[in-house]
Amino acid sequence: MKLVVVSAGLSVPSSTRLLGDRLAAAAVRGTVADVQVVELRDLAVEIAHNFTNGFPGPGLSDAIDAVTSADGLIVVTPVFSASYSGLFKSFFDVLTVGDKDALAGKPVLIAATGGTGRHSLVLEHALRPLFAYLRAVVVPTGVYAASEDWGAEGLAERIERAAGELARLMGAVPAAAAAPVRAGGGFEVIPFEQQLGALRP
């Protein structure tokens, strides 16, 4: 299995990179997987040149190959003006201009960092629509980390939940078997997807 983290952090050290590393570690825990990190900060000049001459430099070409060949992606961006960074968007524009199906069907975990929790909806109003448009399979749980979230309760649990969803989509871990649920009255409630499965010939 190959997992690629795309980090659009600009500073060193970067909380954006840290969040990507923690998500990747949780996603591959207990499995044999190759994890590669693409730092967009290091590719900024090549991305700009690609827009003007149409040709990716060697570093950008390697990054594009890594992303397109990955079994799953973790994408992390800092929040700028209530949305993803321009560098983040530019990379995925370059990635898909030559192949609009580059991310079709690929499992993607979306994440973002920001200075305040008030920007947490960036996951739903910016990142999720972008990757849905690119026809990636976006995991249900996105992870947003504000400055006050580091070291606070809740972030570790969100990381584990989102990483587990990505690992299941990648096939790194088997999905838990759906067990019948006992309702309050004592009768058995069969999950809807199990009932649908029973109807298949």
C-alpha atoms as a PDB file:
ATOM      1  CA  MET A   1       0.000   0.000   0.000  1.00  0.00           C
ATOM      2  CA  LYS A   2       1.210   3.515  -0.823  1.00  0.00           C
ATOM      3  CA  LEU A   3      -0.022   6.536   1.118  1.00  0.00           C
ATOM      4  CA  VAL A   4       0.920  10.060   0.039  1.00  0.00           C
ATOM      5  CA  VAL A   5       0.617  13.146   2.230  1.00  0.00           C
ATOM      6  CA  VAL A   6       0.311  16.472   0.395  1.00  0.00           C
ATOM      7  CA  SER A   7       1.224  19.305   2.756  1.00  0.00           C
ATOM      8  CA  ALA A   8       0.816  22.969   1.835  1.00  0.00           C
ATOM      9  CA  GLY A   9       2.428  24.309   5.003  1.00  0.00           C
ATOM     10  CA  LEU A  10       4.755  27.263   4.493  1.00  0.00           C
ATOM     11  CA  SER A  11       6.649  27.576   7.760  1.00  0.00           C
ATOM     12  CA  VAL A  12       9.358  25.387   9.276  1.00  0.00           C
ATOM     13  CA  PRO A  13       8.340  23.731  11.538  1.00  0.00           C
ATOM     14  CA  SER A  14       4.798  23.582  10.239  1.00  0.00           C
ATOM     15  CA  SER A  15       1.623  22.634  12.115  1.00  0.00           C
ATOM     16  CA  THR A  16       0.184  21.655   8.717  1.00  0.00           C
ATOM     17  CA  ARG A  17       2.983  19.138   8.187  1.00  0.00           C
ATOM     18  CA  LEU A  18       2.622  17.940  11.779  1.00  0.00           C
ATOM     19  CA  LEU A  19      -1.081  17.235  11.279  1.00  0.00           C
ATOM     20  CA  GLY A  20      -0.328  15.360   8.053  1.00  0.00           C
ATOM     21  CA  ASP A  21       2.323  13.260   9.794  1.00  0.00           C
ATOM     22  CA  ARG A  22      -0.016  12.365  12.659  1.00  0.00           C
ATOM     23  CA  LEU A  23      -2.805  11.390  10.282  1.00  0.00           C
ATOM     24  CA  ALA A  24      -0.441   9.240   8.208  1.00  0.00           C
ATOM     25  CA  ALA A  25       0.960   7.488  11.285  1.00  0.00           C
ATOM     26  CA  ALA A  26      -2.556   6.649  12.456  1.00  0.00           C
ATOM     27  CA  ALA A  27      -3.659   5.449   8.999  1.00  0.00           C
ATOM     28  CA  VAL A  28      -0.813   2.955   8.553  1.00  0.00           C
ATOM     29  CA  ARG A  29      -0.495   1.785  12.157  1.00  0.00           C
ATOM     30  CA  GLY A  30      -0.294  -2.009  12.236  1.00  0.00           C
ATOM     31  CA  THR A  31       0.021  -2.320   8.457  1.00  0.00           C
ATOM     32  CA  VAL A  32       2.817  -2.524   5.921  1.00  0.00           C
ATOM     33  CA  ALA A  33       2.633   0.690   3.924  1.00  0.00           C
ATOM     34  CA  ASP A  34       4.912   3.112   2.132  1.00  0.00           C
ATOM     35  CA  VAL A  35       4.327   6.732   3.234  1.00  0.00           C
ATOM     36  CA  GLN A  36       5.607   9.596   1.092  1.00  0.00           C
ATOM     37  CA  VAL A  37       5.252  13.312   1.886  1.00  0.00           C
ATOM     38  CA  VAL A  38       4.958  15.953  -0.830  1.00  0.00           C
ATOM     39  CA  GLU A  39       5.922  19.398   0.535  1.00  0.00           C
ATOM     40  CA  LEU A  40       4.343  21.947  -1.792  1.00  0.00           C
ATOM     41  CA  ARG A  41       6.499  24.714  -0.314  1.00  0.00           C
ATOM     42  CA  ASP A  42       9.503  23.148  -2.026  1.00  0.00           C
ATOM     43  CA  LEU A  43       7.655  22.994  -5.365  1.00  0.00           C
ATOM     44  CA  ALA A  44       6.245  26.543  -5.480  1.00  0.00           C
ATOM     45  CA  VAL A  45       8.621  27.792  -8.196  1.00  0.00           C
ATOM     46  CA  GLU A  46       8.123  24.711 -10.379  1.00  0.00           C
ATOM     47  CA  ILE A  47       4.343  24.997 -10.013  1.00  0.00           C
ATOM     48  CA  ALA A  48       4.484  28.640 -11.157  1.00  0.00           C
ATOM     49  CA  HIS A  49       6.721  27.755 -14.102  1.00  0.00           C
ATOM     50  CA  ASN A  50       4.367  24.956 -15.115  1.00  0.00           C
ATOM     51  CA  PHE A  51       1.548  27.488 -15.509  1.00  0.00           C
ATOM     52  CA  THR A  52       3.645  29.592 -17.888  1.00  0.00           C
ATOM     53  CA  ASN A  53       5.461  26.962 -19.945  1.00  0.00           C
ATOM     54  CA  GLY A  54       3.245  23.898 -19.552  1.00  0.00           C
ATOM     55  CA  PHE A  55       6.057  21.595 -18.462  1.00  0.00           C
ATOM     56  CA  PRO A  56       6.597  20.267 -14.927  1.00  0.00           C
ATOM     57  CA  GLY A  57      10.103  20.409 -13.506  1.00  0.00           C
ATOM     58  CA  PRO A  58      11.704  17.214 -12.129  1.00  0.00           C
ATOM     59  CA  GLY A  59      10.514  17.744  -8.561  1.00  0.00           C
ATOM     60  CA  LEU A  60       6.957  18.553  -9.608  1.00  0.00           C
ATOM     61  CA  SER A  61       6.920  15.633 -12.027  1.00  0.00           C
ATOM     62  CA  ASP A  62       7.952  13.266  -9.213  1.00  0.00           C
ATOM     63  CA  ALA A  63       5.233  14.711  -6.955  1.00  0.00           C
ATOM     64  CA  ILE A  64       2.570  14.248  -9.634  1.00  0.00           C
ATOM     65  CA  ASP A  65       3.674  10.649 -10.195  1.00  0.00           C
ATOM     66  CA  ALA A  66       3.565   9.979  -6.449  1.00  0.00           C
ATOM     67  CA  VAL A  67       0.043  11.346  -6.074  1.00  0.00           C
ATOM     68  CA  THR A  68      -1.404   9.627  -9.124  1.00  0.00           C
ATOM     69  CA  SER A  69       0.105   6.247  -8.175  1.00  0.00           C
ATOM     70  CA  ALA A  70      -0.954   6.414  -4.503  1.00  0.00           C
ATOM     71  CA  ASP A  71      -3.542   4.070  -3.021  1.00  0.00           C
ATOM     72  CA  GLY A  72      -4.716   6.907  -0.786  1.00  0.00           C
ATOM     73  CA  LEU A  73      -4.062  10.589  -0.114  1.00  0.00           C
ATOM     74  CA  ILE A  74      -3.972  12.827   2.923  1.00  0.00           C
ATOM     75  CA  VAL A  75      -4.210  16.482   1.865  1.00  0.00           C
ATOM     76  CA  VAL A  76      -3.538  19.237   4.398  1.00  0.00           C
ATOM     77  CA  THR A  77      -3.642  22.991   3.889  1.00  0.00           C
ATOM     78  CA  PRO A  78      -3.398  26.046   6.092  1.00  0.00           C
ATOM     79  CA  VAL A  79      -6.414  28.347   5.902  1.00  0.00           C
ATOM     80  CA  PHE A  80      -5.985  31.609   3.990  1.00  0.00           C
ATOM     81  CA  SER A  81      -8.922  34.003   3.588  1.00  0.00           C
ATOM     82  CA  ALA A  82     -11.360  31.331   4.814  1.00  0.00           C
ATOM     83  CA  SER A  83     -10.291  28.811   2.165  1.00  0.00           C
ATOM     84  CA  TYR A  84      -7.402  26.586   1.055  1.00  0.00           C
ATOM     85  CA  SER A  85      -4.122  28.254   0.139  1.00  0.00           C
ATOM     86  CA  GLY A  86      -3.360  29.334  -3.419  1.00  0.00           C
ATOM     87  CA  LEU A  87      -0.346  27.016  -3.500  1.00  0.00           C
ATOM     88  CA  PHE A  88      -2.548  24.062  -2.529  1.00  0.00           C
ATOM     89  CA  LYS A  89      -5.108  24.819  -5.255  1.00  0.00           C
ATOM     90  CA  SER A  90      -2.404  25.496  -7.840  1.00  0.00           C
ATOM     91  CA  PHE A  91      -0.853  22.073  -7.302  1.00  0.00           C
ATOM     92  CA  PHE A  92      -4.130  20.267  -7.883  1.00  0.00           C
ATOM     93  CA  ASP A  93      -4.833  22.484 -10.917  1.00  0.00           C
ATOM     94  CA  VAL A  94      -1.493  21.419 -12.393  1.00  0.00           C
ATOM     95  CA  LEU A  95      -2.143  17.796 -11.452  1.00  0.00           C
ATOM     96  CA  THR A  96      -5.494  17.609 -13.209  1.00  0.00           C
ATOM     97  CA  VAL A  97      -4.935  19.890 -16.208  1.00  0.00           C
ATOM     98  CA  GLY A  98      -3.277  17.056 -18.111  1.00  0.00           C
ATOM     99  CA  ASP A  99      -5.502  14.312 -16.737  1.00  0.00           C
ATOM    100  CA  LYS A 100      -8.899  15.318 -15.393  1.00  0.00           C
ATOM    101  CA  ASP A 101      -9.386  11.761 -14.071  1.00  0.00           C
ATOM    102  CA  ALA A 102      -6.125  11.748 -12.074  1.00  0.00           C
ATOM    103  CA  LEU A 103      -7.949  11.534  -8.721  1.00  0.00           C
ATOM    104  CA  ALA A 104     -11.109   9.729  -9.841  1.00  0.00           C
ATOM    105  CA  GLY A 105     -11.998   7.022  -7.315  1.00  0.00           C
ATOM    106  CA  LYS A 106      -8.947   7.710  -5.138  1.00  0.00           C
ATOM    107  CA  PRO A 107      -9.537   7.739  -1.340  1.00  0.00           C
ATOM    108  CA  VAL A 108      -8.718  11.185   0.089  1.00  0.00           C
ATOM    109  CA  LEU A 109      -8.634  12.411   3.677  1.00  0.00           C
ATOM    110  CA  ILE A 110      -9.036  16.200   3.891  1.00  0.00           C
ATOM    111  CA  ALA A 111      -7.494  18.246   6.700  1.00  0.00           C
ATOM    112  CA  ALA A 112      -6.662  21.864   7.471  1.00  0.00           C
ATOM    113  CA  THR A 113      -4.984  24.031  10.092  1.00  0.00           C
ATOM    114  CA  GLY A 114      -5.762  27.564  11.201  1.00  0.00           C
ATOM    115  CA  GLY A 115      -5.292  30.086  13.956  1.00  0.00           C
ATOM    116  CA  THR A 116      -8.879  29.916  15.162  1.00  0.00           C
ATOM    117  CA  GLY A 117     -11.659  27.359  15.313  1.00  0.00           C
ATOM    118  CA  ARG A 118     -13.958  29.775  13.458  1.00  0.00           C
ATOM    119  CA  HIS A 119     -12.500  28.567  10.150  1.00  0.00           C
ATOM    120  CA  SER A 120     -13.277  24.881  10.719  1.00  0.00           C
ATOM    121  CA  LEU A 121     -16.040  24.884   8.084  1.00  0.00           C
ATOM    122  CA  VAL A 122     -13.342  25.281   5.417  1.00  0.00           C
ATOM    123  CA  LEU A 123     -13.380  21.485   5.244  1.00  0.00           C
ATOM    124  CA  GLU A 124     -17.001  21.416   4.129  1.00  0.00           C
ATOM    125  CA  HIS A 125     -17.354  24.571   2.039  1.00  0.00           C
ATOM    126  CA  ALA A 126     -13.994  24.468   0.231  1.00  0.00           C
ATOM    127  CA  LEU A 127     -12.020  21.216   0.485  1.00  0.00           C
ATOM    128  CA  ARG A 128     -14.803  18.646   0.224  1.00  0.00           C
ATOM    129  CA  PRO A 129     -16.435  20.275  -2.841  1.00  0.00           C
ATOM    130  CA  LEU A 130     -13.033  20.545  -4.572  1.00  0.00           C
ATOM    131  CA  PHE A 131     -12.246  16.851  -4.242  1.00  0.00           C
ATOM    132  CA  ALA A 132     -15.822  15.814  -4.951  1.00  0.00           C
ATOM    133  CA  TYR A 133     -15.532  17.774  -8.216  1.00  0.00           C
ATOM    134  CA  LEU A 134     -12.317  15.865  -8.983  1.00  0.00           C
ATOM    135  CA  ARG A 135     -14.325  12.663  -8.323  1.00  0.00           C
ATOM    136  CA  ALA A 136     -12.129  11.484  -5.482  1.00  0.00           C
ATOM    137  CA  VAL A 137     -13.680   9.427  -2.682  1.00  0.00           C
ATOM    138  CA  VAL A 138     -13.502  11.764   0.319  1.00  0.00           C
ATOM    139  CA  VAL A 139     -13.609  10.082   3.732  1.00  0.00           C
ATOM    140  CA  PRO A 140     -16.574  11.165   5.894  1.00  0.00           C
ATOM    141  CA  THR A 141     -14.461  12.659   8.692  1.00  0.00           C
ATOM    142  CA  GLY A 142     -12.279  15.672   7.932  1.00  0.00           C
ATOM    143  CA  VAL A 143      -9.819  17.008  10.510  1.00  0.00           C
ATOM    144  CA  TYR A 144      -9.384  20.684  11.331  1.00  0.00           C
ATOM    145  CA  ALA A 145      -6.800  21.756  13.907  1.00  0.00           C
ATOM    146  CA  ALA A 146      -6.827  25.279  15.296  1.00  0.00           C
ATOM    147  CA  SER A 147      -3.962  26.581  17.406  1.00  0.00           C
ATOM    148  CA  GLU A 148      -5.840  25.803  20.624  1.00  0.00           C
ATOM    149  CA  ASP A 149      -6.547  22.196  19.545  1.00  0.00           C
ATOM    150  CA  TRP A 150      -2.938  21.059  19.890  1.00  0.00           C
ATOM    151  CA  GLY A 151      -2.638  19.262  23.198  1.00  0.00           C
ATOM    152  CA  ALA A 152      -6.362  19.625  23.903  1.00  0.00           C
ATOM    153  CA  GLU A 153      -8.962  16.874  24.114  1.00  0.00           C
ATOM    154  CA  GLY A 154     -10.685  15.780  20.940  1.00  0.00           C
ATOM    155  CA  LEU A 155      -8.012  16.212  18.259  1.00  0.00           C
ATOM    156  CA  ALA A 156      -6.433  12.786  18.804  1.00  0.00           C
ATOM    157  CA  GLU A 157      -9.853  11.114  18.583  1.00  0.00           C
ATOM    158  CA  ARG A 158     -10.705  12.928  15.329  1.00  0.00           C
ATOM    159  CA  ILE A 159      -7.345  11.930  13.867  1.00  0.00           C
ATOM    160  CA  GLU A 160      -7.888   8.272  14.755  1.00  0.00           C
ATOM    161  CA  ARG A 161     -11.434   8.216  13.360  1.00  0.00           C
ATOM    162  CA  ALA A 162     -10.519   9.898  10.062  1.00  0.00           C
ATOM    163  CA  ALA A 163      -7.370   7.788   9.627  1.00  0.00           C
ATOM    164  CA  GLY A 164      -9.344   4.614  10.270  1.00  0.00           C
ATOM    165  CA  GLU A 165     -11.866   5.567   7.601  1.00  0.00           C
ATOM    166  CA  LEU A 166      -9.071   6.190   5.111  1.00  0.00           C
ATOM    167  CA  ALA A 167      -7.359   2.900   5.944  1.00  0.00           C
ATOM    168  CA  ARG A 168     -10.602   0.999   5.330  1.00  0.00           C
ATOM    169  CA  LEU A 169     -11.144   2.713   1.982  1.00  0.00           C
ATOM    170  CA  MET A 170      -7.577   1.878   0.984  1.00  0.00           C
ATOM    171  CA  GLY A 171      -8.144  -1.728   1.994  1.00  0.00           C
ATOM    172  CA  ALA A 172      -5.358  -1.554   4.574  1.00  0.00           C
ATOM    173  CA  VAL A 173      -7.690  -2.861   7.276  1.00  0.00           C
ATOM    174  CA  PRO A 174     -10.900  -4.869   6.851  1.00  0.00           C
ATOM    175  CA  ALA A 175     -14.183  -3.173   7.561  1.00  0.00           C
ATOM    176  CA  ALA A 176     -15.726  -4.353  10.814  1.00  0.00           C
ATOM    177  CA  ALA A 177     -18.489  -6.860  10.301  1.00  0.00           C
ATOM    178  CA  ALA A 178     -21.879  -5.339  10.928  1.00  0.00           C
ATOM    179  CA  ALA A 179     -23.387  -6.950  14.017  1.00  0.00           C
ATOM    180  CA  PRO A 180     -27.122  -7.024  14.731  1.00  0.00           C
ATOM    181  CA  VAL A 181     -28.220  -4.362  17.216  1.00  0.00           C
ATOM    182  CA  ARG A 182     -30.602  -5.147  20.053  1.00  0.00           C
ATOM    183  CA  ALA A 183     -33.229  -2.433  20.338  1.00  0.00           C
ATOM    184  CA  GLY A 184     -34.751  -1.401  23.657  1.00  0.00           C
ATOM    185  CA  GLY A 185     -37.694  -3.782  23.220  1.00  0.00           C
ATOM    186  CA  GLY A 186     -35.373  -6.760  22.780  1.00  0.00           C
ATOM    187  CA  PHE A 187     -35.984  -7.348  19.058  1.00  0.00           C
ATOM    188  CA  GLU A 188     -33.134  -7.523  16.594  1.00  0.00           C
ATOM    189  CA  VAL A 189     -32.486  -4.575  14.263  1.00  0.00           C
ATOM    190  CA  ILE A 190     -30.676  -5.599  11.084  1.00  0.00           C
ATOM    191  CA  PRO A 191     -28.513  -2.845   9.506  1.00  0.00           C
ATOM    192  CA  PHE A 192     -29.984  -1.580   6.237  1.00  0.00           C
ATOM    193  CA  GLU A 193     -26.856  -2.382   4.173  1.00  0.00           C
ATOM    194  CA  GLN A 194     -27.016  -5.974   5.441  1.00  0.00           C
ATOM    195  CA  GLN A 195     -30.624  -6.245   4.330  1.00  0.00           C
ATOM    196  CA  LEU A 196     -29.738  -4.899   0.880  1.00  0.00           C
ATOM    197  CA  GLY A 197     -26.877  -7.387   0.624  1.00  0.00           C
ATOM    198  CA  ALA A 198     -29.291 -10.247   1.279  1.00  0.00           C
ATOM    199  CA  LEU A 199     -31.369  -9.195  -1.743  1.00  0.00           C
ATOM    200  CA  ARG A 200     -28.484  -9.599  -4.192  1.00  0.00           C
ATOM    201  CA  PRO A 201     -28.715 -12.783  -6.311  1.00  0.00           C
END
